[in-house]
Protein backbone atom coordinates (compact mmCIF):
# COMPACT_ATOMS: atom_id res chain seq x y z
CA UNK A 1 -0.35 -0.09 -0.01
CA UNK A 2 1.46 3.44 -0.61
CA UNK A 3 2.04 6.30 1.38
CA UNK A 4 -0.90 8.51 0.09
CA UNK A 5 -3.43 5.48 0.78
CA UNK A 6 -1.87 4.61 4.01
CA UNK A 7 -2.12 8.06 5.54
CA UNK A 8 -6.17 8.26 4.92
CA UNK A 9 -7.37 7.19 8.69
CA UNK A 10 -10.88 7.93 7.54
CA UNK A 11 -13.61 8.25 4.79
CA UNK A 12 -15.92 11.37 4.47
CA UNK A 13 -19.23 10.34 3.49
CA UNK A 14 -22.18 12.35 1.78
CA UNK A 15 -24.23 14.07 4.28
CA UNK A 16 -28.33 13.24 4.39
CA UNK A 17 -28.83 16.79 5.19
CA UNK A 18 -27.60 20.19 5.87
CA UNK A 19 -30.20 21.41 9.00
CA UNK A 20 -29.94 19.77 12.48
CA UNK A 21 -33.62 19.47 11.78
CA UNK A 22 -33.61 17.92 8.64
CA UNK A 23 -30.48 15.31 10.20
CA UNK A 24 -33.30 14.26 12.71
CA UNK A 25 -35.94 13.92 10.27
CA UNK A 26 -33.57 11.62 8.48
CA UNK A 27 -32.72 9.66 11.16
CA UNK A 28 -36.28 9.05 12.05
CA UNK A 29 -37.08 8.08 8.15
CA UNK A 30 -33.91 5.23 8.58
CA UNK A 31 -35.20 4.25 11.91
CA UNK A 32 -38.83 3.46 10.96
CA UNK A 33 -37.60 1.45 7.59
CA UNK A 34 -34.79 -0.42 9.10
CA UNK A 35 -37.40 -1.34 11.68
CA UNK A 36 -40.21 -2.33 9.06
CA UNK A 37 -37.03 -4.32 7.40
CA UNK A 38 -35.90 -6.53 10.60
CA UNK A 39 -39.73 -7.13 12.00
CA UNK A 40 -40.60 -8.55 8.13
CA UNK A 41 -37.39 -10.47 7.63
CA UNK A 42 -37.41 -11.62 11.03
CA UNK A 43 -40.86 -12.85 10.78
CA UNK A 44 -40.15 -14.36 7.57
CA UNK A 45 -37.13 -15.80 8.93
CA UNK A 46 -39.20 -17.09 12.46
CA UNK A 47 -41.90 -18.41 10.65
CA UNK A 48 -40.46 -20.76 7.95
CA UNK A 49 -38.08 -22.01 10.67
CA UNK A 50 -40.56 -22.78 12.78
CA UNK A 51 -43.39 -23.72 10.47
CA UNK A 52 -43.02 -27.45 9.20
CA UNK A 53 -45.11 -27.38 6.47
CA UNK A 54 -42.93 -25.01 4.72
CA UNK A 55 -40.18 -26.41 4.92
CA UNK A 56 -39.81 -26.65 0.88
CA UNK A 57 -37.21 -25.22 -1.48
CA UNK A 58 -38.93 -22.45 -2.44
CA UNK A 59 -39.64 -21.53 1.29
CA UNK A 60 -35.76 -22.49 2.12
CA UNK A 61 -34.36 -19.99 -0.12
CA UNK A 62 -37.00 -17.50 0.49
CA UNK A 63 -35.29 -18.04 4.04
CA UNK A 64 -32.32 -17.03 2.90
CA UNK A 65 -32.99 -13.97 0.95
CA UNK A 66 -34.62 -12.74 4.33
CA UNK A 67 -31.13 -13.20 5.92
CA UNK A 68 -29.30 -10.88 3.03
CA UNK A 69 -32.11 -8.59 3.33
CA UNK A 70 -31.15 -8.28 6.78
CA UNK A 71 -27.38 -8.29 6.43
CA UNK A 72 -27.53 -5.51 3.70
CA UNK A 73 -29.87 -3.16 5.80
CA UNK A 74 -27.36 -3.71 8.87
CA UNK A 75 -24.56 -2.71 7.26
CA UNK A 76 -25.01 0.60 5.77
CA UNK A 77 -28.59 1.76 7.59
CA UNK A 78 -26.82 2.07 11.64
CA UNK A 79 -23.33 4.12 10.08
CA UNK A 80 -26.18 6.52 8.51
CA UNK A 81 -28.13 6.94 11.57
CA UNK A 82 -25.15 7.76 13.90
CA UNK A 83 -23.84 9.96 11.25
CA UNK A 84 -27.25 11.65 11.30
CA UNK A 85 -27.84 11.95 14.76
CA UNK A 86 -23.90 12.73 15.96
CA UNK A 87 -23.86 15.28 12.96
CA UNK A 88 -20.84 13.77 11.60
CA UNK A 89 -19.76 12.36 8.63
CA UNK A 90 -16.78 10.39 8.93
CA UNK A 91 -16.34 6.45 8.51
CA UNK A 92 -12.76 4.98 9.59
CA UNK A 93 -10.78 3.33 6.89
CA UNK A 94 -11.12 -0.22 8.00
CA UNK A 95 -14.86 0.15 8.58
CA UNK A 96 -15.15 1.09 5.09
CA UNK A 97 -13.60 -1.68 3.79
CA UNK A 98 -15.84 -3.96 5.93
CA UNK A 99 -18.79 -1.94 5.10
CA UNK A 100 -17.85 -2.26 1.17
CA UNK A 101 -17.13 -5.81 2.15
CA UNK A 102 -20.40 -7.05 3.71
CA UNK A 103 -22.64 -4.74 1.61
CA UNK A 104 -21.39 -6.47 -1.73
CA UNK A 105 -21.18 -10.08 0.22
CA UNK A 106 -25.24 -9.85 0.95
CA UNK A 107 -26.18 -7.53 -2.36
CA UNK A 108 -23.90 -10.29 -4.84
CA UNK A 109 -25.78 -13.23 -2.53
CA UNK A 110 -29.13 -12.00 -2.75
CA UNK A 111 -28.83 -11.91 -6.46
CA UNK A 112 -27.34 -15.20 -7.11
CA UNK A 113 -30.33 -16.89 -4.47
CA UNK A 114 -33.18 -14.83 -6.74
CA UNK A 115 -31.41 -16.28 -9.98
CA UNK A 116 -32.15 -19.84 -7.85
CA UNK A 117 -35.26 -19.11 -7.25
CA UNK A 118 -36.22 -18.61 -10.74
CA UNK A 119 -34.76 -21.73 -11.05
CA UNK A 120 -37.32 -23.20 -8.28
CA UNK A 121 -39.91 -21.53 -10.15
CA UNK A 122 -38.87 -23.36 -13.86
CA UNK A 123 -38.78 -26.76 -12.21
CA UNK A 124 -42.08 -26.06 -10.38
CA UNK A 125 -43.90 -25.37 -13.44
CA UNK A 126 -42.25 -26.26 -16.31
CA UNK A 127 -41.35 -29.50 -15.00
CA UNK A 128 -43.00 -30.26 -12.21
CA UNK A 129 -42.71 -34.25 -12.13
CA UNK A 130 -38.77 -33.83 -12.21
CA UNK A 131 -39.44 -31.05 -8.65
CA UNK A 132 -38.19 -33.65 -6.18
CA UNK A 133 -35.55 -35.26 -8.05
CA UNK A 134 -34.13 -31.93 -9.39
CA UNK A 135 -34.69 -30.02 -6.24
CA UNK A 136 -34.58 -32.34 -3.39
CA UNK A 137 -33.16 -30.94 0.23
CA UNK A 138 -29.27 -31.82 -1.10
CA UNK A 139 -29.58 -30.07 -3.98
CA UNK A 140 -31.10 -27.07 -2.41
CA UNK A 141 -28.32 -26.69 0.60
CA UNK A 142 -25.67 -27.42 -2.49
CA UNK A 143 -27.39 -24.26 -4.55
CA UNK A 144 -27.92 -22.24 -1.52
CA UNK A 145 -24.50 -23.02 -0.25
CA UNK A 146 -22.37 -22.30 -3.51
CA UNK A 147 -24.81 -18.58 -3.82
CA UNK A 148 -23.30 -17.70 -0.50
CA UNK A 149 -19.60 -19.15 -1.52
CA UNK A 150 -19.57 -17.45 -4.42
CA UNK A 151 -21.23 -14.18 -3.15
CA UNK A 152 -18.14 -14.29 -0.20
CA UNK A 153 -15.42 -14.97 -3.07
CA UNK A 154 -17.11 -12.19 -5.36
CA UNK A 155 -16.43 -9.33 -2.25
CA UNK A 156 -13.64 -10.26 -0.89
CA UNK A 157 -11.66 -10.05 -4.31
CA UNK A 158 -13.36 -6.64 -5.01
CA UNK A 159 -12.70 -5.28 -1.74
CA UNK A 160 -8.74 -6.64 -1.48
CA UNK A 161 -8.23 -5.12 -5.07
CA UNK A 162 -9.88 -1.84 -4.03
CA UNK A 163 -8.04 -1.22 -1.13
CA UNK A 164 -5.21 -1.71 -2.24
CA UNK A 165 -5.33 1.28 -4.88
CA UNK A 166 -3.03 3.99 -3.87
CA UNK A 167 -5.29 6.91 -2.94
CA UNK A 168 -4.42 10.68 -3.59
CA UNK A 169 -7.26 12.09 -4.46
CA UNK A 170 -8.56 13.08 -1.02
CA UNK A 171 -10.96 11.45 1.44
CA UNK A 172 -14.13 12.34 0.29
CA UNK A 173 -16.46 9.94 -1.44
CA UNK A 174 -19.77 11.75 -1.84
CA UNK A 175 -22.05 8.43 -1.44
CA UNK A 176 -24.23 7.83 1.48
CA UNK A 177 -21.85 4.38 2.39
CA UNK A 178 -19.08 2.77 1.04
CA UNK A 179 -18.69 1.60 -2.74
CA UNK A 180 -16.30 0.55 -5.56
CA UNK A 181 -16.70 3.45 -7.86
CA UNK A 182 -16.03 6.40 -5.31
CA UNK A 183 -13.33 4.70 -3.89
CA UNK A 184 -11.91 4.10 -7.54
CA UNK A 185 -12.18 8.08 -8.36
CA UNK A 186 -9.66 8.51 -5.47
CA UNK A 187 -6.79 6.53 -6.75
CA UNK A 188 -4.23 8.18 -8.50
CA UNK A 189 -2.66 5.12 -10.43
CA UNK A 190 -3.24 2.92 -13.23
CA UNK A 191 -3.75 0.47 -11.33
CA UNK A 192 -7.40 0.72 -11.26
CA UNK A 193 -7.57 -0.91 -14.57
CA UNK A 194 -7.66 -3.90 -12.26
CA UNK A 195 -10.63 -3.30 -10.87
CA UNK A 196 -11.84 -2.38 -14.04
CA UNK A 197 -11.32 -5.67 -15.18
CA UNK A 198 -12.79 -7.43 -12.25
CA UNK A 199 -16.19 -5.25 -12.77
CA UNK A 200 -16.26 -6.56 -16.31
CA UNK A 201 -15.77 -10.12 -15.29
CA UNK A 202 -18.73 -9.16 -12.56
CA UNK A 203 -21.00 -7.38 -15.33
CA UNK A 204 -20.49 -10.57 -17.48
CA UNK A 205 -21.60 -13.08 -14.51
CA UNK A 206 -24.64 -10.63 -13.65
CA UNK A 207 -25.57 -10.12 -17.86
CA UNK A 208 -25.67 -13.91 -17.61
CA UNK A 209 -27.88 -14.57 -14.66
CA UNK A 210 -30.07 -11.53 -15.95
CA UNK A 211 -30.57 -13.86 -19.26
CA UNK A 212 -31.09 -17.08 -17.32
CA UNK A 213 -34.10 -15.32 -15.08
CA UNK A 214 -35.76 -13.86 -18.39
CA UNK A 215 -35.21 -16.75 -20.55
CA UNK A 216 -36.59 -18.97 -17.51
CA UNK A 217 -39.75 -16.42 -16.98
CA UNK A 218 -40.41 -16.73 -20.68
CA UNK A 219 -40.33 -20.49 -20.43
CA UNK A 220 -42.88 -19.94 -17.23
CA UNK A 221 -45.43 -17.86 -19.38
CA UNK A 222 -45.76 -20.22 -21.98
CA UNK A 223 -46.11 -23.00 -19.84
CA UNK A 224 -48.94 -21.40 -17.95
CA UNK A 225 -50.41 -20.40 -20.70
CA UNK A 226 -51.10 -23.85 -21.91
CA UNK A 227 -52.94 -24.48 -18.57
CA UNK A 228 -56.35 -25.02 -19.69
CA UNK A 229 -57.99 -24.31 -15.97
CA UNK A 230 -58.32 -20.53 -15.10
CA UNK A 231 -57.55 -21.68 -11.25
CA UNK A 232 -54.21 -23.36 -12.21
CA UNK A 233 -53.14 -20.35 -14.27
CA UNK A 234 -53.73 -18.36 -11.34
CA UNK A 235 -52.39 -20.38 -8.94
CA UNK A 236 -49.19 -20.64 -11.04
CA UNK A 237 -48.83 -16.67 -11.72
CA UNK A 238 -49.39 -15.74 -7.98
CA UNK A 239 -46.32 -18.38 -7.19
CA UNK A 240 -44.57 -16.30 -9.78
CA UNK A 241 -45.70 -12.73 -9.50
CA UNK A 242 -43.75 -12.04 -5.96
CA UNK A 243 -40.48 -13.40 -7.34
CA UNK A 244 -40.88 -11.61 -10.38
CA UNK A 245 -41.69 -8.49 -8.49
CA UNK A 246 -38.75 -8.76 -6.12
CA UNK A 247 -36.38 -9.27 -9.04
CA UNK A 248 -37.83 -5.94 -10.98
CA UNK A 249 -37.23 -3.96 -8.13
CA UNK A 250 -33.71 -5.19 -7.12
CA UNK A 251 -32.34 -5.35 -10.74
CA UNK A 252 -34.45 -2.18 -11.88
CA UNK A 253 -32.96 0.43 -8.88
CA UNK A 254 -29.30 -0.86 -9.09
CA UNK A 255 -29.45 -0.49 -13.09
CA UNK A 256 -30.68 2.97 -13.14
CA UNK A 257 -28.37 3.89 -10.06
CA UNK A 258 -25.17 3.18 -11.78
CA UNK A 259 -25.71 3.53 -15.11
CA UNK A 260 -27.76 7.23 -14.84
CA UNK A 261 -26.62 9.51 -17.28
CA UNK A 262 -23.67 11.76 -15.89
CA UNK A 263 -25.49 15.06 -16.83
CA UNK A 264 -28.57 13.91 -14.20
CA UNK A 265 -25.81 13.22 -11.32
CA UNK A 266 -26.53 15.37 -8.33
CA UNK A 267 -25.53 14.92 -4.96
CA UNK A 268 -29.24 14.75 -3.77
CA UNK A 269 -29.96 12.37 -6.53
CA UNK A 270 -27.13 10.41 -5.63
CA UNK A 271 -28.28 10.07 -1.94
CA UNK A 272 -31.75 9.61 -3.38
CA UNK A 273 -30.95 6.60 -5.53
CA UNK A 274 -28.31 5.16 -3.09
CA UNK A 275 -31.31 4.95 -0.76
CA UNK A 276 -33.71 3.54 -3.34
CA UNK A 277 -31.48 0.63 -4.43
CA UNK A 278 -29.88 -0.18 -1.10
CA UNK A 279 -32.51 0.37 1.91
CA UNK A 280 -36.44 0.17 0.30
CA UNK A 281 -35.54 -3.23 -1.60
CA UNK A 282 -34.58 -5.17 1.98
CA UNK A 283 -38.03 -3.38 3.52
CA UNK A 284 -40.27 -4.54 0.99
CA UNK A 285 -39.18 -7.47 0.12
CA UNK A 286 -41.46 -9.55 3.17
CA UNK A 287 -44.68 -7.23 2.07
CA UNK A 288 -44.27 -8.25 -1.39
CA UNK A 289 -43.70 -12.11 -0.41
CA UNK A 290 -46.32 -11.73 2.14
CA UNK A 291 -49.73 -10.18 0.08
CA UNK A 292 -49.42 -12.93 -2.16
CA UNK A 293 -48.67 -15.71 -0.40
CA UNK A 294 -51.45 -17.44 1.48
CA UNK A 295 -49.32 -20.12 3.32
CA UNK A 296 -46.74 -17.44 4.22
CA UNK A 297 -49.47 -14.83 5.76
CA UNK A 298 -50.65 -18.14 7.56
CA UNK A 299 -47.37 -19.08 9.48
CA UNK A 300 -46.98 -15.61 10.19
CA UNK A 301 -50.08 -14.61 11.85
CA UNK A 302 -49.82 -18.23 13.62
CA UNK A 303 -46.41 -17.13 14.88
CA UNK A 304 -47.43 -13.63 16.10
CA UNK A 305 -50.81 -15.00 17.27
CA UNK A 306 -48.70 -17.57 19.51
CA UNK A 307 -46.13 -14.73 20.33
CA UNK A 308 -48.98 -12.79 21.98
CA UNK A 309 -50.69 -15.65 23.55
CA UNK A 310 -47.45 -16.59 25.25
CA UNK A 311 -46.50 -13.29 26.42
CA UNK A 312 -50.32 -12.56 27.92
CA UNK A 313 -49.63 -15.95 29.95
CA UNK A 314 -46.42 -15.31 31.16
CA UNK A 315 -48.14 -11.51 31.96
CA UNK A 316 -50.97 -13.47 34.36
CA UNK A 317 -48.80 -16.21 35.73
CA UNK A 318 -46.48 -13.25 36.99
CA UNK A 319 -49.36 -11.50 38.05
CA UNK A 320 -51.24 -14.06 39.93
């Protein structure tokens, strides 16, 4: 590591607002979003883990997706809330590296899991007779492990390569949290071409997953339209729409945030877009899945009523 980069002890993140009143407002907003995300994803994890009738491939991958949502929002939001509450914008060098690693880890794991969930829907609708063979418990565990391991390797390579670059253009990132593009702008070496090479490989991998998702849904819709029973078509669509909505939200916000025209770029727009693709999807995903899935709604309701009943019984026992 060069002297220029080793002398940097902290980075400056993008401030949420100029006045203390607005900063407190943003703090309350982030607090509400993070609590909603924690509650929604926590209920899904608990419902799937405790409900034995939900121990199916679809809900197994949904549990993993909820874990990635929890991880991604806990990686970025607490630091933003801390900076808003204490009127600061700093993050340590080590903290920035850790934040970059975990954010990329959870976001890439979510993308890989969404691709696997698309394969689950494809097999369920297009090859129902082979569903138990292609998506047995061991196969599901292997696919989930591959998604997490690939995400770990992917984020580790990017983080190590990014923070090995010499930085000599200040320490202001101009972003709500640590990401690769703002850090690359601080580099004063041509060695950033290595990172661009990794990004090109990542783009190819992301495009491959995207093409697989599109191809799978083309086959799914063709198979659904051939179902003679209207009730059967409705049931098939109802199992696909939540996943399709989550994929569209995840990919759409990420593409718009990273590929927007430079002419419309501004600090306020960059802040809004970073919130849009890093904070909003983890909070909305549980709502999207629970609205269309009657089994999940019933399991969450049983879980909540069970907790209420248990608490009431404990209170009555302590009272008497």
